[in-house]
């Protein structure tokens, strides 16, 4: 069974998105130890008439179906026509019997941090599937196999890898990314609901961050939409900082150690990043157009939807300086950006 209403992305793209034919890896890359096809079980509980514990074999014995969907990641990439195989959530929950007072559904992952997410029940019954295969192949472990959820009409963080538990609830509960990264609980990509604006970092906290001489105390604090334009930090040790959807335009960060930092969806245009070290940094959706990245290091960095140039309607291009950029095992680098970097002489080592 296919869903023709979600088959191909109709122009224009949702705001802030870039097309890709890849299926980039996002979020956690590995389940908690011990998960396998043999050990996988889906627990269904909460406000249901009959709690269930289904093995993968029991699920696979149920007739499945195919659905073709478009996926939109909060980091800024969109993948059209992903071919899924699995079961509608509604068909799975029908076996448990949903109580009349259930209003929300929560999904919990078999991961080290027990990642979870929630959706209004009526919405999930209409749109969420449990998926075991993608594009004709079993779902890989990195993409959430053996079983994950997919809710295509919301940003992809509302789709959960390594499904372990489905819980029916009367009241909503914020999911992992909503709690920890200030992602928007509605996640409607048409309205570009990426972040919860009620949690934008206050100006006094931004001022304290800008003046810090030691960033170790800040590594567990998410700066959201902070204005750090022109910033010259008092130390080069910026390991593990979390500056999401922030403005770092024209910041002076040459030779900074940004290992393990999270700059996702941040604007780094025009920044001096010469010889900066981005090893294992999350740079998804960040813009480096016009930045100076000469001699910078990006090893095992997350780069899905990261941009190294920006084109304007008048035909002009704002491009990063990338001579000597060391790029090793980039995760999720999109096709157009990889081509630009190769044209500039950057070797991409896998």
Protein backbone atom coordinates (compact mmCIF):
# COMPACT_ATOMS: atom_id res chain seq x y z
CA UNK A 1 0.00 0.00 0.00
CA UNK A 2 1.43 3.41 -0.91
CA UNK A 3 0.45 6.88 0.19
CA UNK A 4 0.40 8.99 -2.98
CA UNK A 5 -0.26 12.20 -1.03
CA UNK A 6 3.27 11.99 0.41
CA UNK A 7 5.15 10.57 -2.58
CA UNK A 8 7.15 13.51 -3.97
CA UNK A 9 8.03 16.85 -2.43
CA UNK A 10 5.95 19.44 -4.23
CA UNK A 11 7.70 22.77 -4.73
CA UNK A 12 8.44 24.90 -2.93
CA UNK A 13 10.42 23.06 -0.30
CA UNK A 14 9.51 23.73 3.33
CA UNK A 15 11.37 26.81 4.58
CA UNK A 16 15.05 26.34 5.32
CA UNK A 17 15.34 22.89 3.72
CA UNK A 18 17.74 21.46 1.11
CA UNK A 19 16.98 18.43 -1.04
CA UNK A 20 19.14 15.30 -0.87
CA UNK A 21 19.01 11.81 -2.33
CA UNK A 22 20.86 10.50 0.74
CA UNK A 23 19.32 9.25 3.95
CA UNK A 24 21.69 11.02 6.39
CA UNK A 25 22.35 9.61 9.82
CA UNK A 26 21.03 11.82 12.59
CA UNK A 27 20.78 11.63 16.37
CA UNK A 28 22.27 8.70 18.25
CA UNK A 29 24.17 6.18 16.12
CA UNK A 30 23.90 3.07 18.30
CA UNK A 31 21.26 1.39 20.42
CA UNK A 32 21.90 0.29 23.97
CA UNK A 33 23.97 -2.92 24.14
CA UNK A 34 22.06 -6.14 23.74
CA UNK A 35 19.48 -5.12 21.15
CA UNK A 36 19.12 -7.61 18.31
CA UNK A 37 16.39 -9.04 16.13
CA UNK A 38 16.12 -11.95 18.57
CA UNK A 39 15.92 -9.80 21.70
CA UNK A 40 13.76 -7.00 20.31
CA UNK A 41 10.40 -6.60 22.05
CA UNK A 42 7.83 -3.81 21.81
CA UNK A 43 6.02 -3.14 25.09
CA UNK A 44 2.59 -1.49 24.76
CA UNK A 45 1.13 -0.09 27.96
CA UNK A 46 -0.38 2.85 29.75
CA UNK A 47 -4.02 3.58 28.99
CA UNK A 48 -4.79 0.38 27.11
CA UNK A 49 -7.23 -2.43 27.81
CA UNK A 50 -4.64 -5.17 27.28
CA UNK A 51 -0.93 -4.45 27.80
CA UNK A 52 1.14 -6.27 25.21
CA UNK A 53 4.73 -7.41 24.79
CA UNK A 54 5.39 -8.22 21.14
CA UNK A 55 8.55 -9.86 19.83
CA UNK A 56 9.93 -8.93 16.44
CA UNK A 57 8.90 -12.35 15.16
CA UNK A 58 5.31 -11.75 16.30
CA UNK A 59 5.26 -8.36 14.57
CA UNK A 60 6.74 -9.76 11.37
CA UNK A 61 3.98 -12.36 11.28
CA UNK A 62 1.44 -9.54 10.88
CA UNK A 63 0.81 -8.53 7.23
CA UNK A 64 2.78 -5.39 6.52
CA UNK A 65 2.44 -2.69 3.88
CA UNK A 66 4.47 -0.16 1.94
CA UNK A 67 4.34 3.60 2.20
CA UNK A 68 6.27 6.25 0.28
CA UNK A 69 7.01 9.40 2.24
CA UNK A 70 9.13 12.53 2.31
CA UNK A 71 11.35 13.13 5.33
CA UNK A 72 12.26 16.59 6.65
CA UNK A 73 15.02 16.86 9.26
CA UNK A 74 15.17 19.78 11.66
CA UNK A 75 18.82 20.29 10.64
CA UNK A 76 17.68 21.35 7.18
CA UNK A 77 17.71 18.40 4.77
CA UNK A 78 14.72 16.86 3.01
CA UNK A 79 14.75 13.40 1.45
CA UNK A 80 11.93 12.73 -1.03
CA UNK A 81 10.26 9.41 -1.72
CA UNK A 82 11.63 7.24 1.05
CA UNK A 83 10.05 3.80 0.63
CA UNK A 84 9.04 2.35 3.99
CA UNK A 85 7.68 -1.05 4.92
CA UNK A 86 5.91 -1.76 8.18
CA UNK A 87 2.62 -1.24 9.96
CA UNK A 88 0.42 1.76 10.78
CA UNK A 89 0.49 2.54 14.49
CA UNK A 90 -3.31 2.38 14.46
CA UNK A 91 -3.23 -1.28 13.41
CA UNK A 92 -0.74 -2.18 16.16
CA UNK A 93 -2.61 -0.32 18.90
CA UNK A 94 -5.91 -1.89 17.88
CA UNK A 95 -4.62 -5.15 19.32
CA UNK A 96 -4.19 -3.53 22.75
CA UNK A 97 -7.45 -1.56 22.90
CA UNK A 98 -7.00 2.15 23.62
CA UNK A 99 -8.83 3.71 26.58
CA UNK A 100 -11.18 6.58 25.81
CA UNK A 101 -9.23 8.98 28.06
CA UNK A 102 -5.92 8.45 26.19
CA UNK A 103 -4.91 11.69 24.49
CA UNK A 104 -1.19 11.27 23.80
CA UNK A 105 1.21 8.52 22.81
CA UNK A 106 4.82 8.29 23.95
CA UNK A 107 7.53 6.25 22.24
CA UNK A 108 10.63 5.13 24.17
CA UNK A 109 13.87 3.90 22.58
CA UNK A 110 16.16 1.05 23.50
CA UNK A 111 19.07 3.50 23.86
CA UNK A 112 21.53 4.36 26.59
CA UNK A 113 19.64 7.57 27.37
CA UNK A 114 16.16 6.04 26.85
CA UNK A 115 15.32 8.62 24.19
CA UNK A 116 11.63 9.30 23.90
CA UNK A 117 9.17 11.46 22.02
CA UNK A 118 5.43 12.10 22.16
CA UNK A 119 2.59 13.02 19.83
CA UNK A 120 -1.13 13.75 20.14
CA UNK A 121 -2.79 10.36 19.84
CA UNK A 122 -5.23 11.27 17.08
CA UNK A 123 -2.40 12.71 15.02
CA UNK A 124 -0.17 9.68 15.53
CA UNK A 125 -2.96 7.25 14.66
CA UNK A 126 -3.33 9.02 11.33
CA UNK A 127 0.36 9.44 10.46
CA UNK A 128 2.81 7.29 12.47
CA UNK A 129 4.08 3.93 11.27
CA UNK A 130 6.27 1.26 12.81
CA UNK A 131 8.93 0.56 10.18
CA UNK A 132 11.25 -2.42 9.63
CA UNK A 133 12.55 -1.72 6.09
CA UNK A 134 13.62 1.30 4.03
CA UNK A 135 14.02 1.35 0.25
CA UNK A 136 13.65 -2.40 0.04
CA UNK A 137 16.29 -3.30 2.64
CA UNK A 138 15.98 -4.09 6.36
CA UNK A 139 16.41 -1.01 8.52
CA UNK A 140 20.07 -0.72 9.55
CA UNK A 141 20.97 -0.46 13.22
CA UNK A 142 22.34 3.07 12.70
CA UNK A 143 18.98 4.15 11.30
CA UNK A 144 17.03 2.60 14.18
CA UNK A 145 16.64 -1.07 13.25
CA UNK A 146 15.22 -3.50 13.80
CA UNK A 147 12.09 -1.36 14.44
CA UNK A 148 11.61 2.40 14.52
CA UNK A 149 8.75 4.85 14.18
CA UNK A 150 8.33 7.30 11.31
CA UNK A 151 5.96 10.29 11.45
CA UNK A 152 6.61 12.02 8.11
CA UNK A 153 4.49 15.13 8.57
CA UNK A 154 6.67 16.35 11.46
CA UNK A 155 10.38 17.10 11.72
CA UNK A 156 12.31 13.85 11.91
CA UNK A 157 13.13 14.07 15.64
CA UNK A 158 9.51 13.04 16.20
CA UNK A 159 10.43 9.69 14.59
CA UNK A 160 12.13 7.37 17.08
CA UNK A 161 14.92 4.85 16.56
CA UNK A 162 15.09 1.42 18.26
CA UNK A 163 11.50 1.35 19.44
CA UNK A 164 11.14 -0.42 22.80
CA UNK A 165 7.94 0.93 24.33
CA UNK A 166 4.65 2.56 23.35
CA UNK A 167 2.80 4.27 26.18
CA UNK A 168 -0.71 5.77 25.99
CA UNK A 169 -1.18 8.82 28.24
CA UNK A 170 -3.87 11.28 29.31
CA UNK A 171 -1.34 14.16 29.60
CA UNK A 172 1.57 15.04 27.35
CA UNK A 173 5.22 14.62 28.33
CA UNK A 174 8.05 16.38 26.52
CA UNK A 175 10.43 14.09 24.65
CA UNK A 176 14.21 13.88 24.94
CA UNK A 177 15.13 16.38 22.22
CA UNK A 178 12.41 18.75 23.34
CA UNK A 179 13.70 18.65 26.93
CA UNK A 180 17.43 18.66 26.25
CA UNK A 181 17.76 20.66 23.03
CA UNK A 182 14.76 23.01 23.24
CA UNK A 183 13.23 21.55 20.07
CA UNK A 184 9.64 22.58 19.44
CA UNK A 185 7.04 20.15 20.73
CA UNK A 186 4.81 20.63 17.68
CA UNK A 187 7.63 20.17 15.12
CA UNK A 188 5.56 21.31 12.12
CA UNK A 189 8.09 21.81 9.31
CA UNK A 190 5.60 23.85 7.28
CA UNK A 191 5.59 26.46 10.06
CA UNK A 192 9.36 25.96 10.64
CA UNK A 193 8.82 25.03 14.27
CA UNK A 194 12.41 23.99 14.95
CA UNK A 195 12.93 25.42 18.43
CA UNK A 196 10.79 26.48 21.38
CA UNK A 197 11.19 30.27 21.30
CA UNK A 198 10.08 30.48 24.94
CA UNK A 199 13.48 28.98 25.79
CA UNK A 200 15.67 31.46 23.89
CA UNK A 201 18.72 32.24 26.04
CA UNK A 202 18.32 35.44 28.07
CA UNK A 203 20.62 38.40 27.25
CA UNK A 204 22.31 38.33 30.66
CA UNK A 205 23.23 34.67 30.20
CA UNK A 206 24.59 35.41 26.73
CA UNK A 207 26.68 38.25 28.17
CA UNK A 208 28.08 35.93 30.84
CA UNK A 209 28.93 33.35 28.19
CA UNK A 210 30.70 35.92 26.03
CA UNK A 211 32.85 37.02 28.99
CA UNK A 212 33.67 33.53 30.29
CA UNK A 213 37.28 32.50 30.76
CA UNK A 214 36.46 28.83 31.38
CA UNK A 215 33.76 27.07 29.37
CA UNK A 216 33.71 23.80 31.31
CA UNK A 217 30.72 25.00 33.42
CA UNK A 218 28.82 25.82 30.21
CA UNK A 219 29.08 22.43 28.54
CA UNK A 220 25.74 21.25 29.90
CA UNK A 221 23.98 24.51 28.98
CA UNK A 222 22.30 24.98 25.61
CA UNK A 223 22.56 28.49 24.22
CA UNK A 224 19.59 29.01 21.92
CA UNK A 225 19.48 31.82 19.35
CA UNK A 226 22.20 33.73 21.19
CA UNK A 227 23.78 36.72 19.49
CA UNK A 228 27.52 36.03 19.43
CA UNK A 229 28.38 38.04 16.32
CA UNK A 230 31.93 39.40 16.34
CA UNK A 231 32.73 37.44 19.51
CA UNK A 232 36.38 37.00 20.47
CA UNK A 233 36.49 34.45 23.32
CA UNK A 234 39.03 34.87 26.10
CA UNK A 235 40.21 31.28 25.66
CA UNK A 236 40.65 28.98 22.68
CA UNK A 237 39.28 26.02 24.65
CA UNK A 238 35.65 25.88 23.51
CA UNK A 239 35.30 22.11 23.68
CA UNK A 240 31.74 20.87 24.11
CA UNK A 241 29.94 24.22 24.02
CA UNK A 242 26.36 24.06 22.81
CA UNK A 243 25.37 27.06 20.70
CA UNK A 244 22.30 26.09 18.67
CA UNK A 245 20.75 28.36 16.07
CA UNK A 246 23.06 31.12 17.28
CA UNK A 247 24.63 34.00 15.36
CA UNK A 248 28.40 33.65 15.18
CA UNK A 249 28.76 35.97 12.22
CA UNK A 250 32.24 37.44 12.01
CA UNK A 251 33.28 35.77 15.28
CA UNK A 252 37.05 35.57 15.84
CA UNK A 253 37.62 31.88 16.52
CA UNK A 254 40.94 31.18 14.81
CA UNK A 255 42.71 28.15 16.36
CA UNK A 256 39.77 27.46 18.68
CA UNK A 257 39.32 23.92 19.97
CA UNK A 258 35.65 23.19 19.22
CA UNK A 259 35.95 19.44 19.62
CA UNK A 260 32.58 17.90 20.48
CA UNK A 261 30.85 21.28 20.27
CA UNK A 262 27.30 21.62 19.00
CA UNK A 263 26.83 24.52 16.58
CA UNK A 264 23.82 23.04 14.80
CA UNK A 265 21.82 25.50 12.70
CA UNK A 266 24.13 28.35 13.72
CA UNK A 267 25.19 31.15 11.38
CA UNK A 268 28.99 31.17 11.17
CA UNK A 269 29.13 33.31 8.03
CA UNK A 270 32.19 35.52 7.82
CA UNK A 271 33.73 33.99 10.97
CA UNK A 272 37.50 33.59 11.28
CA UNK A 273 37.86 29.84 11.85
CA UNK A 274 41.38 29.37 10.59
CA UNK A 275 42.96 26.21 12.02
CA UNK A 276 39.94 25.64 14.27
CA UNK A 277 39.44 22.04 15.38
CA UNK A 278 35.91 20.68 14.90
CA UNK A 279 36.66 17.04 15.68
CA UNK A 280 33.39 15.21 16.47
CA UNK A 281 31.48 18.49 16.47
CA UNK A 282 27.80 18.69 15.53
CA UNK A 283 27.67 21.19 12.68
CA UNK A 284 24.38 20.05 11.16
CA UNK A 285 22.58 22.86 9.37
CA UNK A 286 25.31 25.41 10.21
CA UNK A 287 26.26 27.97 7.55
CA UNK A 288 29.96 28.61 6.89
CA UNK A 289 29.35 30.76 3.79
CA UNK A 290 32.04 33.44 3.68
CA UNK A 291 33.86 31.96 6.69
CA UNK A 292 37.62 31.47 6.76
CA UNK A 293 38.18 27.74 7.26
CA UNK A 294 41.75 27.60 5.99
CA UNK A 295 43.62 24.87 7.82
CA UNK A 296 40.59 23.90 9.90
CA UNK A 297 40.06 20.28 10.94
CA UNK A 298 36.74 18.42 10.66
CA UNK A 299 37.19 14.79 11.67
CA UNK A 300 34.10 12.66 12.37
CA UNK A 301 32.03 15.85 12.32
CA UNK A 302 28.28 15.84 11.73
CA UNK A 303 27.69 17.91 8.61
CA UNK A 304 24.23 17.07 7.29
CA UNK A 305 22.80 20.22 5.68
CA UNK A 306 25.89 22.24 6.65
CA UNK A 307 26.56 24.89 4.03
CA UNK A 308 29.94 26.08 2.77
CA UNK A 309 28.50 28.54 0.27
CA UNK A 310 25.35 30.54 -0.27
CA UNK A 311 23.98 31.62 -3.65
CA UNK A 312 21.96 34.78 -4.15
CA UNK A 313 19.21 35.58 -6.63
CA UNK A 314 21.51 38.01 -8.48
CA UNK A 315 23.89 35.15 -9.29
CA UNK A 316 26.54 36.03 -6.72
CA UNK A 317 27.96 33.41 -4.38
CA UNK A 318 29.25 33.83 -0.82
CA UNK A 319 31.77 31.01 -0.40
CA UNK A 320 33.95 29.83 2.45
CA UNK A 321 37.73 29.87 2.17
CA UNK A 322 38.64 26.22 2.47
CA UNK A 323 42.29 25.89 1.44
CA UNK A 324 43.90 23.27 3.63
CA UNK A 325 40.61 22.21 5.25
CA UNK A 326 41.04 18.67 6.56
CA UNK A 327 37.82 16.72 6.12
CA UNK A 328 37.81 13.13 7.38
CA UNK A 329 34.77 10.84 7.62
CA UNK A 330 32.21 13.66 7.34
CA UNK A 331 28.82 12.43 8.49
CA UNK A 332 25.88 13.43 6.31
CA UNK A 333 27.65 15.93 4.02
CA UNK A 334 25.15 16.66 1.25
CA UNK A 335 25.91 16.19 -2.43
CA UNK A 336 26.06 19.85 -3.49
CA UNK A 337 28.37 20.79 -0.62
CA UNK A 338 30.70 17.85 -1.24
CA UNK A 339 30.95 18.84 -4.91
CA UNK A 340 31.78 22.45 -4.00
CA UNK A 341 34.51 21.35 -1.60
CA UNK A 342 36.06 19.00 -4.17
CA UNK A 343 36.05 21.79 -6.74
CA UNK A 344 38.04 23.87 -4.23
CA UNK A 345 40.62 21.10 -3.92
CA UNK A 346 39.49 19.73 -0.55
CA UNK A 347 40.13 15.99 -0.25
CA UNK A 348 37.28 14.19 1.50
CA UNK A 349 38.66 11.14 3.27
CA UNK A 350 36.27 8.36 4.20
